[in-house]
Structure formats: C-alpha cells, structure tokens
Amino acid sequence: MNTKIDQTKIRNVAIIAHVDHGKTTLVDAFLKQNNVFRSNQEEMNQEAILDSGDLEREKGITIKAKNVAINYKDYKINIIDTPGHADFGGEVERTLNMADGCLLVVDAQEGPMPQTRFVLKKALELGLKPIVVINKIDKSYANPQKALDKVTDLFLELATDESQLEFPVFYAIGRAGKAFAELPSGDLTKSADLPGNIQPLLDAIVETV
C-alpha cells in the first residue's frame, strides 16, 4: 500500500555552529524531549549522540553529515548535522543542499567564529531560511546582546537577499534543554533553573522553515 507523504509537513533543517558552541547538546535535547528514545534506553543517559565517530567524539567536531528525524506535533523534522570547518567544504555544500532552513548556534560569550562565517555564507547563498540561537546564556562571561550584534553584522555582510536580515532569535541553554523567545531578565547565570524546554525552537522551525 502506498502512503503519500505530505511534503508540507516535513521540515529539513541544517544546524550550523562552531566547535563547543553547543550544537550537539541542542540536538540531544531535541531527541530526548520528543520521545525518540524509550525512557530506559541507553541514549537517554548519553551525551553528544550525533558524534558517532571516534575522532568526532575525541575532538568534538563534525566531519560527516548526519541526519536525525523527530516527530513533533503533526510534523516530521529532519535535523542535519553540518560539518563546521572549511576543510570539509564539499561535505558542507552537500549537507546544505538537503536543507530548507538552518539553525545558526552561537556561543553567547564568543559570538560567531570564522568557520561559522564560512558555513553561513554557503547557507545564505542557497537561500536557506535562518533561525539564530544564542546559546550558553548562563555562562559567567556571557554577553548575549553583544553576540547578537555580531551575528547581525555578519548577516549584513553575507545576506544575498533583504529578507535574510529578518530572522527569529532564541536564547538557549543547550545542556539544560531550554530555549527562550525572549532573553530572561535577572541573573542569567541562574537561567538554567528557569522553567522551560526546547519546544519554542521546534515551533519556530515549523513556522519559519
């Protein structure tokens, strides 16, 4: 029996980030909070689930593109892990060609890094719809507004279309599995204790991509 796939219910999203900016912990949250694994399954206690290769686990980098799929509400969201280094340019381009949008994950202390610039440039050239995630807002030296200013400058430099200058922004603590549509008030170093989950980011993927 042929079951026709409703393409309007599929979202293909590439995730872009520099090493240690929290891409993998965000993906872990997507997987664990959407019942991809049983509660007693080994992966529920595992970190860096997408980093399957020995070298990737050792170095904390992505070399080969990988895809995970989650079901959210009535949608299937394919999250494509993007190599974050110019040395893997061919793999980057192949990955981005599979996507319709991208999550740009940026450390709230460091801001966008040179390798992030390379991958984002490719994504914008392909017309992918971006969603920005300022991650690790609870770090003691985090400066989310400064990081966002740097991201905005980067988009002004790289955008190929005016519409790419308007993008949703979320503030996240990937290791805690929480994302906020507005920057929390008060002491950000305690923001991991605030109620929340990864759902706002998933809603943005459904609505934006």
N, C-alpha and C. Protein backbone atom coordinates (compact mmCIF):
# COMPACT_ATOMS: atom_id res chain seq x y z
N MET A 1 0.85 -1.19 0.00
CA MET A 1 0.00 0.00 0.00
C MET A 1 0.89 1.25 0.00
N ASN A 2 0.63 2.16 -0.92
CA ASN A 2 1.41 3.40 -1.00
C ASN A 2 0.82 4.46 -0.09
N THR A 3 1.65 4.99 0.81
CA THR A 3 1.22 6.08 1.67
C THR A 3 1.88 7.35 1.18
N LYS A 4 1.08 8.29 0.73
CA LYS A 4 1.64 9.52 0.19
C LYS A 4 2.15 10.40 1.32
N ILE A 5 3.38 10.87 1.18
CA ILE A 5 3.97 11.73 2.21
C ILE A 5 3.56 13.18 1.94
N ASP A 6 3.02 13.82 2.97
CA ASP A 6 2.63 15.22 2.85
C ASP A 6 3.88 16.08 3.01
N GLN A 7 4.40 16.58 1.90
CA GLN A 7 5.65 17.35 1.93
C GLN A 7 5.52 18.64 2.74
N THR A 8 4.30 19.15 2.89
CA THR A 8 4.11 20.38 3.67
C THR A 8 4.31 20.13 5.16
N LYS A 9 4.36 18.86 5.55
CA LYS A 9 4.52 18.51 6.96
C LYS A 9 5.96 18.08 7.28
N ILE A 10 6.88 18.35 6.35
CA ILE A 10 8.29 17.98 6.56
C ILE A 10 9.14 19.24 6.63
N ARG A 11 10.05 19.29 7.59
CA ARG A 11 10.98 20.40 7.73
C ARG A 11 12.40 19.85 7.72
N ASN A 12 13.22 20.32 6.79
CA ASN A 12 14.61 19.90 6.71
C ASN A 12 15.51 21.05 7.16
N VAL A 13 16.19 20.86 8.27
CA VAL A 13 16.94 21.95 8.89
C VAL A 13 18.40 21.54 9.11
N ALA A 14 19.31 22.34 8.57
CA ALA A 14 20.74 22.13 8.85
C ALA A 14 21.10 22.91 10.10
N ILE A 15 21.96 22.35 10.92
CA ILE A 15 22.37 23.03 12.14
C ILE A 15 23.84 23.41 12.01
N ILE A 16 24.12 24.70 12.21
CA ILE A 16 25.44 25.29 11.96
C ILE A 16 26.00 25.84 13.26
N ALA A 17 27.22 25.46 13.61
CA ALA A 17 27.84 26.01 14.82
C ALA A 17 29.33 25.74 14.82
N HIS A 18 30.06 26.58 15.52
CA HIS A 18 31.49 26.37 15.72
C HIS A 18 31.67 25.30 16.80
N VAL A 19 32.87 24.72 16.87
CA VAL A 19 33.19 23.73 17.90
C VAL A 19 32.89 24.29 19.29
N ASP A 20 32.22 23.50 20.10
CA ASP A 20 31.92 23.84 21.51
C ASP A 20 30.91 24.97 21.68
N HIS A 21 30.18 25.32 20.65
CA HIS A 21 29.14 26.33 20.82
C HIS A 21 27.78 25.72 21.19
N GLY A 22 27.73 24.39 21.29
CA GLY A 22 26.54 23.76 21.86
C GLY A 22 25.59 23.12 20.87
N LYS A 23 26.03 22.92 19.64
CA LYS A 23 25.18 22.30 18.63
C LYS A 23 24.71 20.91 19.09
N THR A 24 25.66 20.11 19.57
CA THR A 24 25.34 18.72 19.89
C THR A 24 24.42 18.60 21.09
N THR A 25 24.59 19.47 22.09
CA THR A 25 23.70 19.40 23.25
C THR A 25 22.28 19.83 22.88
N LEU A 26 22.16 20.76 21.95
CA LEU A 26 20.82 21.14 21.48
C LEU A 26 20.13 19.98 20.78
N VAL A 27 20.88 19.28 19.92
CA VAL A 27 20.30 18.13 19.23
C VAL A 27 19.94 17.04 20.23
N ASP A 28 20.78 16.83 21.25
CA ASP A 28 20.44 15.88 22.31
C ASP A 28 19.08 16.23 22.93
N ALA A 29 18.86 17.52 23.18
CA ALA A 29 17.59 17.95 23.78
C ALA A 29 16.42 17.68 22.84
N PHE A 30 16.60 17.96 21.55
CA PHE A 30 15.55 17.66 20.58
C PHE A 30 15.14 16.19 20.66
N LEU A 31 16.14 15.31 20.67
CA LEU A 31 15.90 13.88 20.65
C LEU A 31 15.25 13.40 21.95
N LYS A 32 15.80 13.83 23.07
CA LYS A 32 15.34 13.32 24.36
C LYS A 32 13.97 13.85 24.75
N GLN A 33 13.67 15.10 24.35
CA GLN A 33 12.38 15.68 24.75
C GLN A 33 11.23 15.29 23.82
N ASN A 34 11.55 14.61 22.72
CA ASN A 34 10.49 14.23 21.78
C ASN A 34 10.33 12.73 21.65
N ASN A 35 10.70 12.04 22.73
CA ASN A 35 10.44 10.61 22.85
C ASN A 35 11.01 9.79 21.70
N VAL A 36 12.16 10.21 21.18
CA VAL A 36 12.83 9.41 20.16
C VAL A 36 13.34 8.12 20.78
N PHE A 37 13.72 8.20 22.07
CA PHE A 37 14.21 7.02 22.77
C PHE A 37 13.26 6.65 23.90
N ARG A 38 13.23 5.35 24.25
CA ARG A 38 12.47 4.93 25.43
C ARG A 38 13.16 5.49 26.67
N SER A 39 12.41 5.64 27.75
CA SER A 39 12.98 6.23 28.97
C SER A 39 14.13 5.41 29.53
N ASN A 40 14.14 4.09 29.24
CA ASN A 40 15.21 3.23 29.77
C ASN A 40 16.27 2.94 28.73
N GLN A 41 16.20 3.62 27.59
CA GLN A 41 17.17 3.36 26.52
C GLN A 41 18.49 4.05 26.83
N GLU A 42 19.58 3.41 26.42
CA GLU A 42 20.93 3.89 26.75
C GLU A 42 21.15 5.34 26.34
N GLU A 43 20.61 5.72 25.16
CA GLU A 43 20.85 7.07 24.65
C GLU A 43 20.31 8.17 25.56
N MET A 44 19.33 7.86 26.40
CA MET A 44 18.76 8.88 27.30
C MET A 44 19.80 9.39 28.30
N ASN A 45 20.80 8.56 28.58
CA ASN A 45 21.87 8.98 29.50
C ASN A 45 23.15 9.34 28.77
N GLN A 46 23.08 9.35 27.45
CA GLN A 46 24.27 9.62 26.64
C GLN A 46 24.28 11.08 26.23
N GLU A 47 25.48 11.63 26.05
CA GLU A 47 25.64 12.97 25.52
C GLU A 47 26.33 12.90 24.17
N ALA A 48 26.19 13.98 23.38
CA ALA A 48 26.81 14.04 22.05
C ALA A 48 26.40 12.84 21.20
N ILE A 49 25.09 12.59 21.14
CA ILE A 49 24.57 11.41 20.44
C ILE A 49 24.96 11.42 18.97
N LEU A 50 24.96 12.59 18.34
CA LEU A 50 25.27 12.66 16.92
C LEU A 50 26.73 12.39 16.59
N ASP A 51 27.62 12.61 17.56
CA ASP A 51 29.05 12.42 17.30
C ASP A 51 29.37 10.93 17.41
N SER A 52 29.10 10.21 16.33
CA SER A 52 29.20 8.76 16.38
C SER A 52 30.61 8.24 16.11
N GLY A 53 31.42 8.97 15.34
CA GLY A 53 32.77 8.52 15.03
C GLY A 53 33.72 8.74 16.19
N ASP A 54 34.73 7.89 16.30
CA ASP A 54 35.70 8.01 17.40
C ASP A 54 36.39 9.36 17.37
N LEU A 55 36.84 9.80 16.17
CA LEU A 55 37.54 11.08 16.07
C LEU A 55 36.60 12.23 16.40
N GLU A 56 35.34 12.12 15.98
CA GLU A 56 34.37 13.18 16.26
C GLU A 56 34.14 13.31 17.76
N ARG A 57 34.06 12.17 18.43
CA ARG A 57 33.86 12.21 19.88
C ARG A 57 35.08 12.77 20.59
N GLU A 58 36.27 12.38 20.13
CA GLU A 58 37.51 12.83 20.76
C GLU A 58 37.71 14.32 20.59
N LYS A 59 37.47 14.81 19.38
CA LYS A 59 37.75 16.21 19.06
C LYS A 59 36.53 17.12 19.23
N GLY A 60 35.34 16.53 19.34
CA GLY A 60 34.13 17.35 19.46
C GLY A 60 33.77 18.06 18.18
N ILE A 61 34.13 17.48 17.03
CA ILE A 61 33.84 18.12 15.75
C ILE A 61 32.97 17.21 14.90
N THR A 62 32.32 17.79 13.90
CA THR A 62 31.54 17.02 12.94
C THR A 62 32.30 16.97 11.63
N ILE A 63 32.55 15.75 11.15
CA ILE A 63 33.27 15.57 9.90
C ILE A 63 32.31 15.15 8.79
N LYS A 64 31.45 14.18 9.09
CA LYS A 64 30.47 13.69 8.13
C LYS A 64 29.07 14.16 8.52
N ALA A 65 28.32 14.57 7.52
CA ALA A 65 26.95 15.00 7.78
C ALA A 65 26.12 13.81 8.27
N LYS A 66 25.25 14.07 9.23
CA LYS A 66 24.34 13.04 9.73
C LYS A 66 22.95 13.63 9.85
N ASN A 67 21.96 12.77 9.85
CA ASN A 67 20.59 13.24 9.92
C ASN A 67 19.85 12.49 11.02
N VAL A 68 19.08 13.24 11.81
CA VAL A 68 18.15 12.59 12.74
C VAL A 68 16.77 13.16 12.46
N ALA A 69 15.76 12.34 12.66
CA ALA A 69 14.39 12.77 12.41
C ALA A 69 13.59 12.68 13.69
N ILE A 70 12.81 13.71 13.96
CA ILE A 70 11.92 13.68 15.11
C ILE A 70 10.51 14.03 14.65
N ASN A 71 9.54 13.47 15.33
CA ASN A 71 8.15 13.81 15.06
C ASN A 71 7.70 14.81 16.11
N TYR A 72 7.19 15.93 15.64
CA TYR A 72 6.74 17.00 16.54
C TYR A 72 5.38 17.48 16.08
N LYS A 73 4.38 17.32 16.95
CA LYS A 73 3.00 17.61 16.57
C LYS A 73 2.68 16.80 15.31
N ASP A 74 2.25 17.43 14.23
CA ASP A 74 1.96 16.67 13.01
C ASP A 74 3.10 16.71 12.02
N TYR A 75 4.27 17.13 12.45
CA TYR A 75 5.38 17.37 11.53
C TYR A 75 6.52 16.38 11.74
N LYS A 76 7.24 16.14 10.66
CA LYS A 76 8.49 15.40 10.74
C LYS A 76 9.61 16.41 10.52
N ILE A 77 10.50 16.53 11.48
CA ILE A 77 11.61 17.48 11.38
C ILE A 77 12.90 16.69 11.21
N ASN A 78 13.55 16.89 10.07
CA ASN A 78 14.86 16.29 9.82
C ASN A 78 15.93 17.29 10.21
N ILE A 79 16.76 16.93 11.17
CA ILE A 79 17.84 17.81 11.61
C ILE A 79 19.14 17.27 11.06
N ILE A 80 19.81 18.07 10.24
CA ILE A 80 21.01 17.63 9.54
C ILE A 80 22.23 18.29 10.17
N ASP A 81 23.09 17.47 10.71
CA ASP A 81 24.30 17.97 11.38
C ASP A 81 25.32 18.38 10.33
N THR A 82 25.73 19.63 10.36
CA THR A 82 26.60 20.18 9.32
C THR A 82 28.05 20.24 9.77
N PRO A 83 28.99 19.73 8.98
CA PRO A 83 30.41 19.93 9.30
C PRO A 83 30.69 21.43 9.44
N GLY A 84 31.46 21.79 10.46
CA GLY A 84 31.65 23.20 10.74
C GLY A 84 32.99 23.75 10.34
N HIS A 85 33.66 23.11 9.43
CA HIS A 85 35.02 23.53 9.09
C HIS A 85 35.19 23.65 7.59
N ALA A 86 35.88 24.67 7.16
CA ALA A 86 36.10 24.91 5.73
C ALA A 86 36.86 23.77 5.07
N ASP A 87 37.63 23.01 5.85
CA ASP A 87 38.38 21.88 5.28
C ASP A 87 37.45 20.81 4.73
N PHE A 88 36.21 20.80 5.19
CA PHE A 88 35.23 19.82 4.72
C PHE A 88 34.19 20.50 3.84
N GLY A 89 34.65 21.45 3.00
CA GLY A 89 33.76 22.28 2.20
C GLY A 89 32.79 21.50 1.34
N GLY A 90 33.27 20.41 0.72
CA GLY A 90 32.40 19.62 -0.14
C GLY A 90 31.27 18.99 0.63
N GLU A 91 31.59 18.49 1.82
CA GLU A 91 30.57 17.89 2.68
C GLU A 91 29.59 18.95 3.17
N VAL A 92 30.08 20.14 3.46
CA VAL A 92 29.21 21.25 3.87
C VAL A 92 28.17 21.55 2.80
N GLU A 93 28.64 21.70 1.57
CA GLU A 93 27.73 22.04 0.47
C GLU A 93 26.71 20.95 0.24
N ARG A 94 27.15 19.70 0.29
CA ARG A 94 26.23 18.57 0.09
C ARG A 94 25.15 18.57 1.17
N THR A 95 25.56 18.85 2.40
CA THR A 95 24.62 18.89 3.52
C THR A 95 23.59 20.00 3.34
N LEU A 96 24.06 21.19 3.05
CA LEU A 96 23.16 22.34 2.95
C LEU A 96 22.17 22.20 1.80
N ASN A 97 22.56 21.48 0.76
CA ASN A 97 21.66 21.26 -0.36
C ASN A 97 20.47 20.38 0.01
N MET A 98 20.56 19.68 1.14
CA MET A 98 19.46 18.83 1.59
C MET A 98 18.48 19.60 2.47
N ALA A 99 18.82 20.84 2.82
CA ALA A 99 18.03 21.58 3.81
C ALA A 99 17.21 22.70 3.19
N ASP A 100 16.18 23.11 3.92
CA ASP A 100 15.34 24.25 3.52
C ASP A 100 15.56 25.44 4.46
N GLY A 101 16.16 25.18 5.59
CA GLY A 101 16.43 26.23 6.57
C GLY A 101 17.62 25.84 7.41
N CYS A 102 18.07 26.75 8.28
CA CYS A 102 19.22 26.43 9.12
C CYS A 102 19.08 27.06 10.50
N LEU A 103 19.61 26.35 11.48
CA LEU A 103 19.75 26.88 12.83
C LEU A 103 21.20 27.32 12.98
N LEU A 104 21.42 28.60 13.23
CA LEU A 104 22.77 29.10 13.49
C LEU A 104 22.94 29.20 15.00
N VAL A 105 23.78 28.35 15.56
CA VAL A 105 24.00 28.30 17.00
C VAL A 105 25.30 29.04 17.33
N VAL A 106 25.20 30.04 18.21
CA VAL A 106 26.34 30.90 18.53
C VAL A 106 26.52 30.97 20.05
N ASP A 107 27.73 30.83 20.50
CA ASP A 107 28.05 30.95 21.93
C ASP A 107 27.84 32.40 22.39
N ALA A 108 27.14 32.57 23.50
CA ALA A 108 26.80 33.91 24.00
C ALA A 108 28.01 34.68 24.48
N GLN A 109 29.11 34.01 24.73
CA GLN A 109 30.33 34.69 25.15
C GLN A 109 31.24 34.99 23.94
N GLU A 110 31.39 34.04 23.04
CA GLU A 110 32.35 34.18 21.95
C GLU A 110 31.78 34.83 20.70
N GLY A 111 30.47 34.70 20.48
CA GLY A 111 29.88 35.21 19.25
C GLY A 111 30.26 34.32 18.07
N PRO A 112 29.90 34.72 16.85
CA PRO A 112 30.20 33.90 15.66
C PRO A 112 31.70 33.84 15.39
N MET A 113 32.16 32.66 14.97
CA MET A 113 33.58 32.44 14.71
C MET A 113 33.84 32.32 13.20
N PRO A 114 35.10 32.41 12.76
CA PRO A 114 35.40 32.41 11.32
C PRO A 114 34.84 31.20 10.56
N GLN A 115 34.89 30.01 11.15
CA GLN A 115 34.38 28.83 10.44
C GLN A 115 32.85 28.89 10.32
N THR A 116 32.20 29.50 11.32
CA THR A 116 30.76 29.69 11.25
C THR A 116 30.42 30.58 10.06
N ARG A 117 31.24 31.58 9.85
CA ARG A 117 31.03 32.51 8.74
C ARG A 117 31.04 31.76 7.41
N PHE A 118 31.98 30.84 7.25
CA PHE A 118 32.09 30.07 6.01
C PHE A 118 30.81 29.29 5.72
N VAL A 119 30.31 28.56 6.72
CA VAL A 119 29.13 27.72 6.51
C VAL A 119 27.87 28.57 6.34
N LEU A 120 27.75 29.65 7.12
CA LEU A 120 26.59 30.54 6.99
C LEU A 120 26.55 31.17 5.60
N LYS A 121 27.70 31.58 5.10
CA LYS A 121 27.76 32.17 3.76
C LYS A 121 27.19 31.20 2.72
N LYS A 122 27.58 29.94 2.81
CA LYS A 122 27.07 28.92 1.89
C LYS A 122 25.55 28.77 2.04
N ALA A 123 25.09 28.77 3.31
CA ALA A 123 23.65 28.58 3.57
C ALA A 123 22.83 29.72 2.97
N LEU A 124 23.30 30.95 3.15
CA LEU A 124 22.56 32.11 2.63
C LEU A 124 22.60 32.15 1.10
N GLU A 125 23.71 31.74 0.52
CA GLU A 125 23.79 31.68 -0.94
C GLU A 125 22.77 30.71 -1.52
N LEU A 126 22.46 29.66 -0.74
CA LEU A 126 21.47 28.66 -1.18
C LEU A 126 20.04 29.06 -0.83
N GLY A 127 19.90 30.22 -0.17
CA GLY A 127 18.56 30.72 0.14
C GLY A 127 17.89 30.05 1.33
N LEU A 128 18.68 29.44 2.24
CA LEU A 128 18.08 28.79 3.40
C LEU A 128 17.54 29.84 4.38
N LYS A 129 16.41 29.53 5.00
CA LYS A 129 15.81 30.44 5.97
C LYS A 129 16.48 30.22 7.32
N PRO A 130 17.09 31.28 7.90
CA PRO A 130 17.84 31.10 9.14
C PRO A 130 17.02 31.36 10.41
N ILE A 131 17.40 30.62 11.45
CA ILE A 131 16.93 30.86 12.81
C ILE A 131 18.19 30.95 13.67
N VAL A 132 18.32 32.02 14.45
CA VAL A 132 19.53 32.22 15.26
C VAL A 132 19.28 31.76 16.69
N VAL A 133 20.25 31.02 17.23
CA VAL A 133 20.18 30.56 18.62
C VAL A 133 21.43 31.06 19.35
N ILE A 134 21.23 31.98 20.29
CA ILE A 134 22.33 32.44 21.15
C ILE A 134 22.38 31.48 22.34
N ASN A 135 23.39 30.63 22.36
CA ASN A 135 23.43 29.53 23.32
C ASN A 135 24.38 29.84 24.49
N LYS A 136 24.21 29.06 25.54
CA LYS A 136 25.05 29.16 26.74
C LYS A 136 24.92 30.54 27.40
N ILE A 137 23.70 31.02 27.48
CA ILE A 137 23.47 32.35 28.08
C ILE A 137 23.75 32.37 29.58
N ASP A 138 23.91 31.18 30.18
CA ASP A 138 24.14 31.11 31.62
C ASP A 138 25.63 31.13 31.98
N LYS A 139 26.51 31.21 30.98
CA LYS A 139 27.95 31.29 31.29
C LYS A 139 28.26 32.60 32.00
N SER A 140 29.24 32.57 32.89
CA SER A 140 29.51 33.74 33.72
C SER A 140 29.93 34.96 32.90
N TYR A 141 30.60 34.74 31.76
CA TYR A 141 31.04 35.88 30.94
C TYR A 141 30.17 36.05 29.68
N ALA A 142 29.00 35.46 29.69
CA ALA A 142 28.11 35.56 28.53
C ALA A 142 27.66 37.00 28.32
N ASN A 143 27.55 37.39 27.07
CA ASN A 143 27.04 38.71 26.71
C ASN A 143 26.13 38.52 25.49
N PRO A 144 24.90 38.04 25.72
CA PRO A 144 24.00 37.69 24.61
C PRO A 144 23.74 38.83 23.64
N GLN A 145 23.61 40.06 24.15
CA GLN A 145 23.32 41.19 23.26
C GLN A 145 24.51 41.48 22.35
N LYS A 146 25.71 41.42 22.90
CA LYS A 146 26.90 41.65 22.08
C LYS A 146 27.05 40.55 21.03
N ALA A 147 26.77 39.30 21.43
CA ALA A 147 26.83 38.18 20.48
C ALA A 147 25.82 38.37 19.37
N LEU A 148 24.62 38.83 19.71
CA LEU A 148 23.59 39.06 18.70
C LEU A 148 23.99 40.20 17.77
N ASP A 149 24.60 41.25 18.32
CA ASP A 149 25.08 42.37 17.48
C ASP A 149 26.09 41.87 16.45
N LYS A 150 26.97 40.98 16.87
CA LYS A 150 27.97 40.43 15.95
C LYS A 150 27.30 39.57 14.88
N VAL A 151 26.28 38.81 15.28
CA VAL A 151 25.54 37.99 14.31
C VAL A 151 24.86 38.89 13.28
N THR A 152 24.24 39.97 13.76
CA THR A 152 23.56 40.91 12.86
C THR A 152 24.54 41.51 11.87
N ASP A 153 25.72 41.89 12.35
CA ASP A 153 26.76 42.42 11.45
C ASP A 153 27.16 41.39 10.40
N LEU A 154 27.24 40.13 10.82
CA LEU A 154 27.61 39.06 9.91
C LEU A 154 26.55 38.88 8.82
N PHE A 155 25.29 38.94 9.21
CA PHE A 155 24.20 38.82 8.24
C PHE A 155 24.21 40.00 7.27
N LEU A 156 24.50 41.19 7.78
CA LEU A 156 24.57 42.37 6.90
C LEU A 156 25.65 42.19 5.85
N GLU A 157 26.72 41.52 6.24
CA GLU A 157 27.84 41.30 5.32
C GLU A 157 27.54 40.18 4.31
N LEU A 158 26.84 39.13 4.76
CA LEU A 158 26.71 37.92 3.94
C LEU A 158 25.37 37.76 3.23
N ALA A 159 24.33 38.45 3.67
CA ALA A 159 22.99 38.22 3.11
C ALA A 159 22.95 38.47 1.61
N THR A 160 22.26 37.60 0.91
CA THR A 160 22.10 37.76 -0.54
C THR A 160 20.74 38.35 -0.88
N ASP A 161 19.88 38.48 0.15
CA ASP A 161 18.53 38.99 -0.06
C ASP A 161 18.10 39.72 1.21
N GLU A 162 17.36 40.80 1.05
CA GLU A 162 16.94 41.60 2.22
C GLU A 162 16.15 40.78 3.23
N SER A 163 15.38 39.83 2.74
CA SER A 163 14.54 39.03 3.64
C SER A 163 15.37 38.22 4.64
N GLN A 164 16.63 37.96 4.29
CA GLN A 164 17.51 37.19 5.18
C GLN A 164 17.96 38.00 6.40
N LEU A 165 17.70 39.30 6.37
CA LEU A 165 18.08 40.14 7.50
C LEU A 165 17.03 40.12 8.61
N GLU A 166 15.91 39.47 8.35
CA GLU A 166 14.87 39.31 9.37
C GLU A 166 14.83 37.84 9.76
N PHE A 167 15.24 37.55 10.97
CA PHE A 167 15.31 36.15 11.40
C PHE A 167 14.90 36.04 12.86
N PRO A 168 14.25 34.94 13.24
CA PRO A 168 13.91 34.73 14.64
C PRO A 168 15.17 34.51 15.47
N VAL A 169 15.15 34.99 16.70
CA VAL A 169 16.29 34.82 17.61
C VAL A 169 15.80 34.14 18.89
N PHE A 170 16.54 33.12 19.31
CA PHE A 170 16.22 32.43 20.56
C PHE A 170 17.46 32.42 21.45
N TYR A 171 17.21 32.37 22.74
CA TYR A 171 18.28 32.34 23.73
C TYR A 171 18.19 30.99 24.45
N ALA A 172 19.30 30.28 24.51
CA ALA A 172 19.21 28.89 24.94
C ALA A 172 20.29 28.49 25.93
N ILE A 173 19.98 27.41 26.64
CA ILE A 173 20.95 26.69 27.46
C ILE A 173 20.82 25.25 26.99
N GLY A 174 21.65 24.90 26.02
CA GLY A 174 21.51 23.60 25.37
C GLY A 174 21.62 22.44 26.34
N ARG A 175 22.58 22.50 27.27
CA ARG A 175 22.78 21.36 28.18
C ARG A 175 21.58 21.16 29.11
N ALA A 176 20.81 22.23 29.33
CA ALA A 176 19.61 22.13 30.16
C ALA A 176 18.36 21.85 29.32
N GLY A 177 18.52 21.87 27.99
CA GLY A 177 17.39 21.60 27.11
C GLY A 177 16.32 22.68 27.15
N LYS A 178 16.78 23.96 27.20
CA LYS A 178 15.82 25.06 27.31
C LYS A 178 16.13 26.14 26.28
N ALA A 179 15.06 26.69 25.68
CA ALA A 179 15.19 27.79 24.72
C ALA A 179 14.10 28.81 25.02
N PHE A 180 14.45 30.09 24.93
CA PHE A 180 13.53 31.18 25.25
C PHE A 180 13.42 32.13 24.06
N ALA A 181 12.20 32.57 23.78
CA ALA A 181 11.98 33.52 22.68
C ALA A 181 12.43 34.92 23.07
N GLU A 182 12.50 35.20 24.37
CA GLU A 182 12.98 36.49 24.88
C GLU A 182 14.11 36.22 25.86
N LEU A 183 15.06 37.12 25.92
CA LEU A 183 16.16 36.96 26.87
C LEU A 183 15.61 37.07 28.29
N PRO A 184 15.83 36.07 29.14
CA PRO A 184 15.33 36.13 30.52
C PRO A 184 15.89 37.34 31.26
N SER A 185 15.09 37.88 32.15
CA SER A 185 15.56 39.01 32.96
C SER A 185 16.28 38.47 34.20
N GLY A 186 16.99 39.36 34.88
CA GLY A 186 17.66 38.97 36.11
C GLY A 186 19.02 38.35 35.86
N ASP A 187 19.48 37.56 36.80
CA ASP A 187 20.81 36.95 36.78
C ASP A 187 20.83 35.80 35.78
N LEU A 188 21.50 35.99 34.65
CA LEU A 188 21.50 34.96 33.60
C LEU A 188 22.26 33.70 34.02
N THR A 189 23.18 33.83 34.97
CA THR A 189 23.92 32.64 35.40
C THR A 189 22.99 31.63 36.09
N LYS A 190 21.81 32.09 36.49
CA LYS A 190 20.83 31.20 37.13
C LYS A 190 19.68 30.84 36.20
N SER A 191 19.82 31.20 34.91
CA SER A 191 18.71 31.00 33.99
C SER A 191 18.43 29.52 33.69
N ALA A 192 19.41 28.65 33.94
CA ALA A 192 19.18 27.21 33.74
C ALA A 192 18.11 26.69 34.70
N ASP A 193 17.88 27.41 35.79
CA ASP A 193 16.89 26.98 36.78
C ASP A 193 15.47 27.42 36.41
N LEU A 194 15.34 28.28 35.40
CA LEU A 194 14.02 28.74 34.99
C LEU A 194 13.23 27.63 34.33
N PRO A 195 11.90 27.64 34.48
CA PRO A 195 11.10 26.63 33.78
C PRO A 195 11.21 26.82 32.28
N GLY A 196 11.23 25.73 31.54
CA GLY A 196 11.32 25.84 30.09
C GLY A 196 11.70 24.53 29.46
N ASN A 197 11.66 24.49 28.14
CA ASN A 197 12.06 23.32 27.37
C ASN A 197 12.50 23.78 25.97
N ILE A 198 12.65 22.83 25.08
CA ILE A 198 13.16 23.14 23.73
C ILE A 198 12.01 23.45 22.76
N GLN A 199 10.77 23.36 23.23
CA GLN A 199 9.61 23.48 22.35
C GLN A 199 9.54 24.80 21.56
N PRO A 200 9.87 25.96 22.15
CA PRO A 200 9.80 27.21 21.37
C PRO A 200 10.64 27.16 20.09
N LEU A 201 11.75 26.47 20.15
CA LEU A 201 12.63 26.35 18.99
C LEU A 201 12.01 25.44 17.93
N LEU A 202 11.37 24.39 18.37
CA LEU A 202 10.69 23.48 17.43
C LEU A 202 9.51 24.19 16.76
N ASP A 203 8.79 25.00 17.52
CA ASP A 203 7.68 25.75 16.93
C ASP A 203 8.19 26.71 15.85
N ALA A 204 9.34 27.32 16.12
CA ALA A 204 9.92 28.25 15.14
C ALA A 204 10.33 27.53 13.87
N ILE A 205 10.85 26.32 14.01
CA ILE A 205 11.22 25.53 12.83
C ILE A 205 10.00 25.23 11.98
N VAL A 206 8.93 24.84 12.63
CA VAL A 206 7.68 24.51 11.92
C VAL A 206 7.14 25.76 11.20
N GLU A 207 7.19 26.90 11.87
CA GLU A 207 6.58 28.11 11.32
C GLU A 207 7.47 28.83 10.30
N THR A 208 8.79 28.74 10.49
CA THR A 208 9.72 29.56 9.70
C THR A 208 10.25 28.85 8.47
N VAL A 209 10.58 27.58 8.61
CA VAL A 209 11.31 26.87 7.54
C VAL A 209 10.34 26.44 6.45
